[in-house]
Structure formats: structure tokens, C-alpha cells
N, C-alpha and C. Protein backbone atom coordinates (compact mmCIF):
# COMPACT_ATOMS: atom_id res chain seq x y z
N MET A 1 -12.47 2.61 4.35
CA MET A 1 -12.92 2.60 2.86
C MET A 1 -13.54 1.23 2.61
N PRO A 2 -14.91 1.22 2.18
CA PRO A 2 -15.48 -0.19 2.12
C PRO A 2 -15.00 -1.01 1.09
N SER A 3 -14.40 -0.32 -0.09
CA SER A 3 -13.72 -1.46 -1.21
C SER A 3 -12.46 -1.99 -0.52
N LEU A 4 -11.71 -1.23 0.21
CA LEU A 4 -10.54 -1.99 0.94
C LEU A 4 -10.95 -2.93 1.74
N ASP A 5 -11.99 -2.70 2.67
CA ASP A 5 -12.57 -3.77 3.63
C ASP A 5 -12.85 -4.95 2.78
N LYS A 6 -13.59 -4.86 1.72
CA LYS A 6 -14.01 -5.91 0.77
C LYS A 6 -12.88 -6.65 0.36
N LEU A 7 -11.83 -6.14 -0.22
CA LEU A 7 -10.67 -6.80 -0.60
C LEU A 7 -9.89 -7.38 0.47
N LEU A 8 -9.80 -6.81 1.65
CA LEU A 8 -9.23 -7.49 2.70
C LEU A 8 -9.92 -8.62 3.22
N SER A 9 -11.26 -8.72 2.95
CA SER A 9 -12.17 -9.93 3.41
C SER A 9 -11.77 -11.22 2.64
N LEU A 10 -10.96 -10.97 1.54
CA LEU A 10 -10.56 -12.06 0.63
C LEU A 10 -9.62 -12.98 1.42
N THR A 11 -9.00 -12.62 2.58
CA THR A 11 -8.00 -13.35 3.45
C THR A 11 -8.62 -13.67 4.85
N LYS A 12 -8.30 -14.73 5.31
CA LYS A 12 -8.86 -15.00 6.84
C LYS A 12 -7.69 -14.25 7.66
N GLN A 13 -6.65 -13.91 7.22
CA GLN A 13 -5.43 -13.30 8.05
C GLN A 13 -6.02 -11.89 8.51
N LYS A 14 -5.48 -11.40 9.56
CA LYS A 14 -5.72 -10.07 10.23
C LYS A 14 -4.88 -9.03 9.52
N ALA A 15 -5.36 -7.94 9.10
CA ALA A 15 -4.66 -6.86 8.48
C ALA A 15 -4.08 -5.86 9.48
N PHE A 16 -2.98 -5.51 9.05
CA PHE A 16 -2.18 -4.37 10.04
C PHE A 16 -1.84 -3.14 9.18
N ILE A 17 -1.66 -2.05 9.79
CA ILE A 17 -1.29 -0.83 9.08
C ILE A 17 0.07 -0.50 9.57
N ARG A 18 0.93 0.09 8.55
CA ARG A 18 2.27 0.39 8.70
C ARG A 18 2.46 1.73 8.00
N THR A 19 2.85 2.80 8.67
CA THR A 19 2.95 4.04 8.06
C THR A 19 4.34 4.58 8.26
N ASN A 20 4.84 5.20 7.18
CA ASN A 20 6.15 5.91 7.26
C ASN A 20 6.09 7.48 7.21
N GLN A 21 6.15 8.11 8.29
CA GLN A 21 6.04 9.57 8.40
C GLN A 21 7.13 10.12 9.37
N SER A 22 7.35 11.54 8.98
CA SER A 22 8.52 12.10 9.80
C SER A 22 8.19 13.45 9.96
N PHE A 23 8.97 14.29 10.65
CA PHE A 23 8.98 15.79 10.50
C PHE A 23 10.26 16.10 9.69
N GLU A 24 10.03 17.17 9.04
CA GLU A 24 11.26 17.68 8.06
C GLU A 24 12.38 17.76 8.95
N PHE A 25 13.53 17.50 8.50
CA PHE A 25 14.82 17.68 9.17
C PHE A 25 15.03 16.86 10.36
N GLU A 26 14.18 15.84 10.69
CA GLU A 26 14.45 14.91 11.78
C GLU A 26 14.54 13.61 11.11
N ASN A 27 15.61 12.84 11.57
CA ASN A 27 16.00 11.58 11.10
C ASN A 27 15.31 10.49 11.80
N LYS A 28 14.02 10.53 11.96
CA LYS A 28 13.42 9.37 12.64
C LYS A 28 11.91 9.10 12.21
N TRP A 29 11.48 7.95 12.14
CA TRP A 29 10.05 7.82 11.90
C TRP A 29 9.26 8.13 13.01
N LEU A 30 8.12 8.57 12.84
CA LEU A 30 7.07 8.82 13.90
C LEU A 30 6.49 7.72 14.33
N GLY A 31 6.30 7.49 15.73
CA GLY A 31 5.68 6.31 16.33
C GLY A 31 4.21 6.32 16.31
N PHE A 32 3.59 5.13 16.03
CA PHE A 32 2.22 4.92 15.98
C PHE A 32 1.76 3.65 16.75
N GLY A 33 2.76 2.83 17.09
CA GLY A 33 2.49 1.49 17.73
C GLY A 33 1.83 0.60 16.69
N ARG A 34 1.54 -0.66 17.23
CA ARG A 34 0.78 -1.58 16.36
C ARG A 34 -0.68 -1.12 16.10
N MET A 35 -0.94 -1.17 14.75
CA MET A 35 -2.27 -0.68 14.27
C MET A 35 -2.90 -1.64 13.34
N ASN A 36 -3.99 -2.41 14.01
CA ASN A 36 -4.61 -3.41 13.25
C ASN A 36 -5.62 -2.44 12.27
N TRP A 37 -6.10 -3.17 11.21
CA TRP A 37 -7.05 -2.46 10.21
C TRP A 37 -8.38 -2.29 10.83
N ASP A 38 -8.64 -1.01 11.20
CA ASP A 38 -9.96 -0.54 11.54
C ASP A 38 -10.24 0.88 11.51
N GLU A 39 -11.34 1.39 11.72
CA GLU A 39 -11.54 2.89 11.60
C GLU A 39 -10.67 3.71 12.42
N GLU A 40 -10.77 3.22 13.94
CA GLU A 40 -9.90 4.13 14.69
C GLU A 40 -8.37 4.33 14.43
N ASN A 41 -7.80 3.11 13.87
CA ASN A 41 -6.34 3.28 13.46
C ASN A 41 -6.32 4.01 12.14
N ASN A 42 -7.18 3.89 11.31
CA ASN A 42 -7.19 4.72 10.07
C ASN A 42 -7.18 6.22 10.47
N ILE A 43 -8.01 6.64 11.51
CA ILE A 43 -8.01 8.03 11.95
C ILE A 43 -6.65 8.33 12.62
N LYS A 44 -6.13 7.36 13.31
CA LYS A 44 -4.89 7.63 14.01
C LYS A 44 -3.74 7.93 13.13
N TRP A 45 -3.39 6.96 12.03
CA TRP A 45 -2.30 7.31 11.20
C TRP A 45 -2.45 8.51 10.29
N THR A 46 -3.82 9.14 10.04
CA THR A 46 -3.99 10.10 9.28
C THR A 46 -3.99 11.58 10.04
N THR A 47 -4.07 11.42 11.39
CA THR A 47 -4.34 12.70 12.22
C THR A 47 -3.34 12.71 13.40
N LYS A 48 -2.73 11.73 13.89
CA LYS A 48 -1.99 11.81 15.19
C LYS A 48 -1.01 13.00 15.34
N TYR A 49 -0.26 13.23 14.20
CA TYR A 49 0.81 14.20 14.38
C TYR A 49 0.45 15.46 13.54
N ARG A 50 -0.71 15.50 13.03
CA ARG A 50 -1.31 16.81 12.25
C ARG A 50 -1.90 17.74 13.10
N THR A 51 -1.33 18.80 13.29
CA THR A 51 -1.56 19.99 13.93
C THR A 51 -1.40 21.38 13.11
N ILE A 52 -2.12 22.37 13.54
CA ILE A 52 -1.73 23.63 12.93
C ILE A 52 -0.29 24.00 12.96
N ASP A 53 0.18 23.86 14.13
CA ASP A 53 1.66 24.24 14.33
C ASP A 53 2.58 23.44 13.54
N ASN A 54 2.48 22.09 13.23
CA ASN A 54 3.41 21.32 12.54
C ASN A 54 3.02 20.77 11.22
N GLU A 55 1.87 21.42 10.66
CA GLU A 55 1.38 20.79 9.36
C GLU A 55 2.40 20.92 8.33
N SER A 56 3.09 22.05 8.22
CA SER A 56 4.05 22.26 7.21
C SER A 56 5.25 21.39 7.32
N ARG A 57 5.66 20.89 8.54
CA ARG A 57 6.86 20.02 8.72
C ARG A 57 6.57 18.56 8.62
N LEU A 58 5.38 18.21 8.75
CA LEU A 58 4.92 16.82 8.55
C LEU A 58 5.12 16.22 7.14
N GLN A 59 5.91 15.16 7.04
CA GLN A 59 6.05 14.54 5.78
C GLN A 59 5.54 13.05 5.85
N PHE A 60 4.79 12.94 4.60
CA PHE A 60 4.23 11.56 4.40
C PHE A 60 4.91 10.85 3.23
N PHE A 61 5.43 9.58 3.65
CA PHE A 61 6.25 8.86 2.69
C PHE A 61 5.42 7.66 2.15
N GLY A 62 4.58 6.99 3.02
CA GLY A 62 3.70 5.89 2.48
C GLY A 62 3.16 5.26 3.78
N THR A 63 2.09 4.44 3.40
CA THR A 63 1.47 3.57 4.21
C THR A 63 1.19 2.33 3.66
N GLU A 64 1.34 1.20 4.44
CA GLU A 64 1.14 -0.06 3.89
C GLU A 64 0.04 -0.76 4.76
N ILE A 65 -0.73 -1.80 4.22
CA ILE A 65 -1.60 -2.62 4.81
C ILE A 65 -1.19 -3.95 4.58
N TRP A 66 -0.78 -4.77 5.49
CA TRP A 66 -0.47 -6.20 5.24
C TRP A 66 -1.39 -7.04 5.88
N ALA A 67 -1.79 -8.37 5.24
CA ALA A 67 -2.46 -9.29 5.67
C ALA A 67 -1.93 -10.64 5.27
N PRO A 68 -1.13 -11.43 6.29
CA PRO A 68 -0.84 -10.95 7.58
C PRO A 68 0.24 -9.80 7.59
N ASP A 69 0.50 -9.57 8.89
CA ASP A 69 1.50 -8.43 8.87
C ASP A 69 2.86 -8.61 8.48
N TRP A 70 3.65 -7.65 8.33
CA TRP A 70 5.04 -7.53 7.90
C TRP A 70 5.99 -8.50 8.71
N ASN A 71 5.80 -8.53 9.92
CA ASN A 71 6.49 -9.43 10.92
C ASN A 71 6.48 -10.83 10.45
N GLU A 72 5.04 -11.26 10.16
CA GLU A 72 5.01 -12.63 9.71
C GLU A 72 5.77 -12.87 8.40
N PHE A 73 5.78 -11.98 7.45
CA PHE A 73 6.53 -12.02 6.11
C PHE A 73 8.01 -12.10 6.47
N ASN A 74 8.50 -11.34 7.31
CA ASN A 74 9.90 -11.32 7.66
C ASN A 74 10.38 -12.62 8.30
N LYS A 75 9.51 -13.29 8.99
CA LYS A 75 9.71 -14.59 9.64
C LYS A 75 9.87 -15.71 8.61
N SER A 76 8.81 -15.80 7.84
CA SER A 76 8.48 -16.97 7.22
C SER A 76 8.84 -16.96 5.69
N GLY A 77 8.96 -15.63 5.22
CA GLY A 77 9.38 -15.40 3.71
C GLY A 77 8.21 -15.70 2.89
N VAL A 78 7.01 -15.91 3.41
CA VAL A 78 5.84 -16.15 2.53
C VAL A 78 5.05 -14.84 2.37
N PRO A 79 4.99 -14.41 1.10
CA PRO A 79 4.28 -13.18 0.71
C PRO A 79 2.89 -13.02 1.33
N PRO A 80 2.36 -11.88 1.87
CA PRO A 80 1.06 -11.71 2.34
C PRO A 80 -0.03 -12.00 1.34
N ASP A 81 -1.21 -12.50 2.00
CA ASP A 81 -2.42 -12.70 1.09
C ASP A 81 -2.81 -11.27 0.42
N ILE A 82 -2.79 -10.19 1.16
CA ILE A 82 -3.14 -8.99 0.61
C ILE A 82 -2.08 -7.87 1.04
N PHE A 83 -1.48 -7.10 0.17
CA PHE A 83 -0.68 -5.94 0.33
C PHE A 83 -1.15 -4.74 -0.37
N ILE A 84 -1.35 -3.66 0.33
CA ILE A 84 -1.77 -2.48 -0.19
C ILE A 84 -0.85 -1.38 0.34
N LYS A 85 -0.26 -0.53 -0.71
CA LYS A 85 0.58 0.59 -0.30
C LYS A 85 0.04 1.80 -0.96
N LEU A 86 -0.12 2.78 -0.02
CA LEU A 86 -0.41 4.18 -0.54
C LEU A 86 0.98 4.88 -0.51
N TYR A 87 1.43 5.37 -1.59
CA TYR A 87 2.82 5.93 -1.61
C TYR A 87 2.82 7.30 -2.04
N ASN A 88 3.93 8.07 -1.76
CA ASN A 88 4.21 9.39 -2.09
C ASN A 88 5.66 9.51 -2.36
N ILE A 89 5.87 9.80 -3.58
CA ILE A 89 7.14 9.93 -4.23
C ILE A 89 7.31 11.29 -4.72
N PRO A 90 7.79 12.34 -3.99
CA PRO A 90 7.63 13.81 -4.42
C PRO A 90 8.50 14.07 -5.50
N ASN A 91 9.66 13.43 -5.76
CA ASN A 91 10.61 13.61 -6.90
C ASN A 91 10.08 13.11 -8.26
N SER A 92 9.19 12.31 -8.24
CA SER A 92 8.61 11.45 -9.53
C SER A 92 7.66 12.44 -10.22
N GLN A 93 7.73 12.33 -11.59
CA GLN A 93 6.74 13.24 -12.23
C GLN A 93 5.54 12.60 -12.56
N THR A 94 5.67 11.24 -12.75
CA THR A 94 4.46 10.51 -13.27
C THR A 94 3.82 9.63 -12.02
N THR A 95 4.70 9.18 -11.17
CA THR A 95 3.99 8.38 -10.09
C THR A 95 4.25 9.03 -8.72
N ARG A 96 3.91 10.30 -8.64
CA ARG A 96 4.15 11.05 -7.51
C ARG A 96 3.29 10.46 -6.18
N GLN A 97 2.11 10.19 -6.57
CA GLN A 97 1.34 9.64 -5.58
C GLN A 97 0.48 8.43 -6.19
N GLY A 98 0.17 7.42 -5.35
CA GLY A 98 -0.54 6.26 -5.96
C GLY A 98 -1.08 5.18 -4.83
N LEU A 99 -1.69 4.20 -5.39
CA LEU A 99 -2.27 3.20 -4.52
C LEU A 99 -1.86 1.97 -5.19
N LEU A 100 -1.07 1.04 -4.62
CA LEU A 100 -0.65 -0.23 -5.15
C LEU A 100 -1.46 -1.37 -4.41
N ILE A 101 -2.12 -2.16 -4.96
CA ILE A 101 -2.72 -3.34 -4.29
C ILE A 101 -2.20 -4.61 -4.90
N ALA A 102 -1.79 -5.38 -4.08
CA ALA A 102 -1.25 -6.65 -4.58
C ALA A 102 -1.93 -7.96 -4.04
N ILE A 103 -2.44 -8.69 -4.96
CA ILE A 103 -3.30 -9.86 -4.64
C ILE A 103 -2.76 -11.02 -5.21
N PRO A 104 -2.66 -12.09 -4.39
CA PRO A 104 -2.00 -13.44 -5.29
C PRO A 104 -2.94 -13.80 -6.27
N ARG A 105 -2.41 -14.48 -7.26
CA ARG A 105 -3.14 -14.95 -8.40
C ARG A 105 -4.31 -15.97 -8.09
N ARG A 106 -3.86 -16.67 -6.99
CA ARG A 106 -4.78 -17.79 -6.48
C ARG A 106 -6.05 -17.11 -5.89
N LEU A 107 -6.08 -16.01 -5.28
CA LEU A 107 -7.21 -15.28 -4.77
C LEU A 107 -7.75 -14.54 -5.91
N ASN A 108 -6.98 -14.09 -6.93
CA ASN A 108 -7.66 -13.25 -8.02
C ASN A 108 -8.43 -14.27 -8.96
N LEU A 109 -7.94 -15.33 -9.04
CA LEU A 109 -8.62 -16.39 -9.90
C LEU A 109 -9.99 -16.66 -9.38
N ARG A 110 -10.02 -16.84 -8.08
CA ARG A 110 -11.29 -17.20 -7.41
C ARG A 110 -12.31 -16.18 -7.27
N GLN A 111 -11.73 -14.94 -7.28
CA GLN A 111 -12.74 -13.71 -7.04
C GLN A 111 -12.50 -12.64 -7.87
N LYS A 112 -12.04 -13.00 -9.22
CA LYS A 112 -11.72 -11.87 -10.23
C LYS A 112 -12.73 -10.89 -10.31
N GLU A 113 -14.17 -11.35 -10.49
CA GLU A 113 -15.21 -10.20 -10.72
C GLU A 113 -15.40 -9.26 -9.55
N MET A 114 -15.41 -9.73 -8.43
CA MET A 114 -15.43 -8.91 -7.18
C MET A 114 -14.29 -7.97 -7.14
N ILE A 115 -12.99 -8.53 -7.34
CA ILE A 115 -11.84 -7.65 -7.18
C ILE A 115 -11.95 -6.62 -8.28
N GLU A 116 -12.27 -6.81 -9.45
CA GLU A 116 -12.42 -5.80 -10.46
C GLU A 116 -13.38 -4.78 -10.06
N THR A 117 -14.51 -5.21 -9.56
CA THR A 117 -15.53 -4.28 -9.25
C THR A 117 -15.04 -3.30 -8.16
N GLU A 118 -14.37 -3.88 -7.08
CA GLU A 118 -13.91 -3.04 -6.03
C GLU A 118 -12.83 -2.05 -6.46
N LEU A 119 -11.97 -2.49 -7.43
CA LEU A 119 -10.91 -1.74 -7.95
C LEU A 119 -11.51 -0.58 -8.64
N THR A 120 -12.46 -0.82 -9.40
CA THR A 120 -13.25 0.18 -10.34
C THR A 120 -13.83 1.14 -9.45
N ARG A 121 -14.54 0.65 -8.32
CA ARG A 121 -15.00 1.60 -7.26
C ARG A 121 -14.17 2.63 -6.76
N LEU A 122 -12.99 2.00 -6.41
CA LEU A 122 -11.85 2.89 -5.76
C LEU A 122 -11.40 3.94 -6.82
N THR A 123 -11.16 3.45 -8.03
CA THR A 123 -10.77 4.33 -9.03
C THR A 123 -11.71 5.64 -9.10
N LYS A 124 -13.00 5.21 -9.10
CA LYS A 124 -14.00 6.46 -9.13
C LYS A 124 -13.95 7.29 -8.02
N LEU A 125 -13.53 6.83 -6.89
CA LEU A 125 -13.59 7.67 -5.54
C LEU A 125 -12.31 8.57 -5.58
N ILE A 126 -11.21 8.16 -6.29
CA ILE A 126 -9.96 8.90 -6.30
C ILE A 126 -10.02 9.97 -7.58
N PRO A 127 -9.88 11.16 -7.34
CA PRO A 127 -9.81 12.08 -8.58
C PRO A 127 -8.63 11.94 -9.32
N ASN A 128 -8.78 11.98 -10.68
CA ASN A 128 -7.65 11.83 -11.66
C ASN A 128 -6.97 10.56 -11.61
N SER A 129 -7.58 9.33 -11.05
CA SER A 129 -6.86 8.21 -11.00
C SER A 129 -7.02 7.23 -12.18
N LYS A 130 -6.20 6.34 -12.29
CA LYS A 130 -6.11 5.34 -13.32
C LYS A 130 -5.88 4.06 -12.77
N LEU A 131 -6.66 3.05 -13.32
CA LEU A 131 -6.49 1.62 -12.93
C LEU A 131 -5.81 0.90 -14.03
N THR A 132 -4.71 0.24 -13.46
CA THR A 132 -3.81 -0.48 -14.28
C THR A 132 -3.61 -1.76 -13.58
N MET A 133 -3.76 -3.08 -14.28
CA MET A 133 -3.59 -4.33 -13.60
C MET A 133 -2.39 -5.04 -14.35
N ALA A 134 -1.62 -5.55 -13.58
CA ALA A 134 -0.35 -6.36 -14.11
C ALA A 134 -0.15 -7.45 -13.22
N THR A 135 0.43 -8.40 -13.81
CA THR A 135 0.90 -9.77 -13.27
C THR A 135 2.41 -9.60 -13.01
N ARG A 136 2.77 -9.94 -11.75
CA ARG A 136 4.05 -9.71 -11.27
C ARG A 136 4.40 -10.65 -10.11
N PHE A 137 5.63 -11.30 -9.99
CA PHE A 137 5.99 -12.10 -8.91
C PHE A 137 6.19 -11.29 -7.74
N TRP A 138 5.99 -11.66 -6.56
CA TRP A 138 6.37 -10.97 -5.30
C TRP A 138 7.96 -10.91 -5.40
N TYR A 139 8.70 -11.83 -5.70
CA TYR A 139 10.06 -11.86 -5.83
C TYR A 139 10.53 -11.93 -7.27
N PRO A 140 10.60 -10.90 -7.91
CA PRO A 140 10.89 -10.97 -9.46
C PRO A 140 12.21 -11.61 -9.89
N TRP A 141 13.27 -11.37 -9.15
CA TRP A 141 14.56 -11.89 -9.42
C TRP A 141 15.19 -12.82 -8.33
N PHE A 142 16.05 -13.66 -8.71
CA PHE A 142 16.46 -14.65 -7.75
C PHE A 142 17.75 -13.99 -6.93
N LYS A 143 18.48 -13.14 -7.35
CA LYS A 143 19.64 -12.60 -6.85
C LYS A 143 19.52 -11.22 -6.29
N PHE A 144 18.37 -10.49 -6.65
CA PHE A 144 18.40 -9.03 -6.19
C PHE A 144 16.91 -8.86 -5.56
N ASP A 145 16.81 -8.46 -4.31
CA ASP A 145 15.56 -8.26 -3.75
C ASP A 145 14.84 -7.13 -4.34
N ASN A 146 13.76 -7.20 -4.83
CA ASN A 146 13.05 -6.08 -5.39
C ASN A 146 11.40 -6.57 -5.12
N ASN A 147 11.24 -6.79 -3.86
CA ASN A 147 9.94 -7.24 -3.57
C ASN A 147 8.78 -6.39 -3.90
N ILE A 148 7.56 -6.65 -3.86
CA ILE A 148 6.66 -5.59 -4.36
C ILE A 148 6.47 -4.31 -3.33
N GLU A 149 6.91 -4.48 -2.09
CA GLU A 149 6.72 -3.53 -1.18
C GLU A 149 7.95 -2.62 -1.52
N ASP A 150 9.02 -2.95 -2.11
CA ASP A 150 10.20 -2.23 -2.25
C ASP A 150 10.36 -1.63 -3.83
N MET A 151 9.29 -1.76 -4.61
CA MET A 151 9.51 -1.31 -5.93
C MET A 151 9.95 0.19 -6.13
N ASN A 152 10.77 0.38 -7.09
CA ASN A 152 11.23 1.57 -7.30
C ASN A 152 10.42 2.47 -8.19
N THR A 153 10.65 3.74 -8.34
CA THR A 153 9.90 4.62 -9.26
C THR A 153 9.76 4.21 -10.67
N HIS A 154 10.85 3.68 -11.15
CA HIS A 154 10.89 3.20 -12.50
C HIS A 154 9.95 2.16 -12.65
N GLU A 155 10.02 1.20 -11.95
CA GLU A 155 9.02 -0.08 -12.10
C GLU A 155 7.66 0.36 -11.83
N LEU A 156 7.30 1.25 -10.78
CA LEU A 156 5.98 1.81 -10.60
C LEU A 156 5.59 2.44 -11.94
N GLU A 157 6.34 3.12 -12.54
CA GLU A 157 6.04 4.05 -13.73
C GLU A 157 5.75 2.90 -14.91
N LYS A 158 6.45 1.88 -14.98
CA LYS A 158 6.12 0.95 -16.08
C LYS A 158 4.71 0.23 -15.84
N ILE A 159 4.33 0.03 -14.60
CA ILE A 159 3.04 -0.51 -14.29
C ILE A 159 1.86 0.38 -14.63
N VAL A 160 2.10 1.65 -14.10
CA VAL A 160 1.10 2.75 -14.37
C VAL A 160 0.79 2.92 -15.83
N ASN A 161 1.99 2.83 -16.63
CA ASN A 161 1.82 3.14 -18.06
C ASN A 161 1.44 1.81 -18.80
N ALA A 162 1.24 0.92 -18.17
CA ALA A 162 1.06 -0.53 -18.64
C ALA A 162 2.05 -1.07 -19.60
N VAL A 163 3.28 -0.88 -19.11
CA VAL A 163 4.43 -1.44 -19.88
C VAL A 163 5.03 -2.40 -19.21
N VAL A 164 4.33 -3.64 -19.01
CA VAL A 164 4.91 -4.67 -18.06
C VAL A 164 5.00 -6.10 -19.14
């Protein structure tokens, strides 16, 4: 997606894809190997396990794009320059599916117009979508981990409904 490519160009860090998929009634994630952000790997995570025989058993929970990757974040504790999450929460009524894009304020302040343009383009490409912008810390609380990548349905609903 050109708009995501443009947003990922805000950082010099290489972007990587991480996807969470499984087959129904199997208690393990499907393997994809290390996937850097490119067209080949985008095709890989969307089609590798999708066949006529297993289409109904394949479950999609979410895909994340990290720049730099999640391993760097786990080692250093420094949030990524860009974090994108395509999520699927089947039991939610209002935030069943969505696209969350987290960009640090320092990048947003420098490239505000370009970011807003690309987010608007993305909104037009996704049927029945809604664009909401909010300011939030990566680590919102000191004692309880609720990082952006771990946001629960309730918090996502607050952002979607602009109650932040």
C-alpha cells in the first residue's frame, strides 16, 4: 500500500511484519519466518496458508508492522518509530476490525501535513472506515503494562469513538 510505504518512510529504521494466525482448534501460531516490509512478504502473510481446503479453519487475529522490529523494542524498551496494527476482534461490536497507526509526536510534528494526507488516503481506500486521531503515551501507566500493541477492546473503542 503506497500510503503505508509513505508513512514508513518517516523512519530510517527497517520495517518488519509480524502476523498472528492459526487454524481453528489448533493451539499454535502459524509460522511465517522473519518478514521485512515488502510486496513479497505482504503476499506471503495474506496467502501462505489460505487454500480452498482450509479457508474455513484459518483464523486471523492481527498483523503488526514494526520499525524497528519488536525484538529491538523488547531489548531496548524504546518504542518503535512507526507501529501499525491491523486487528481482528471477532467478539467486539464496535471495533471488530481496524487499523491502528502509532507515530511518535516528534515525527508527527515534523511531518503533520504528509501524515494527515496519507491517513486520509487510507481512509478512502477502506470501505466504511473512520479516521480518528488521538495522543497517547506508548506506556500509559507506570505500574501496569498496556502498551499500544497490547491495547484492549475498551481502549480501542474509546479511540474510535474519540473519547480520549
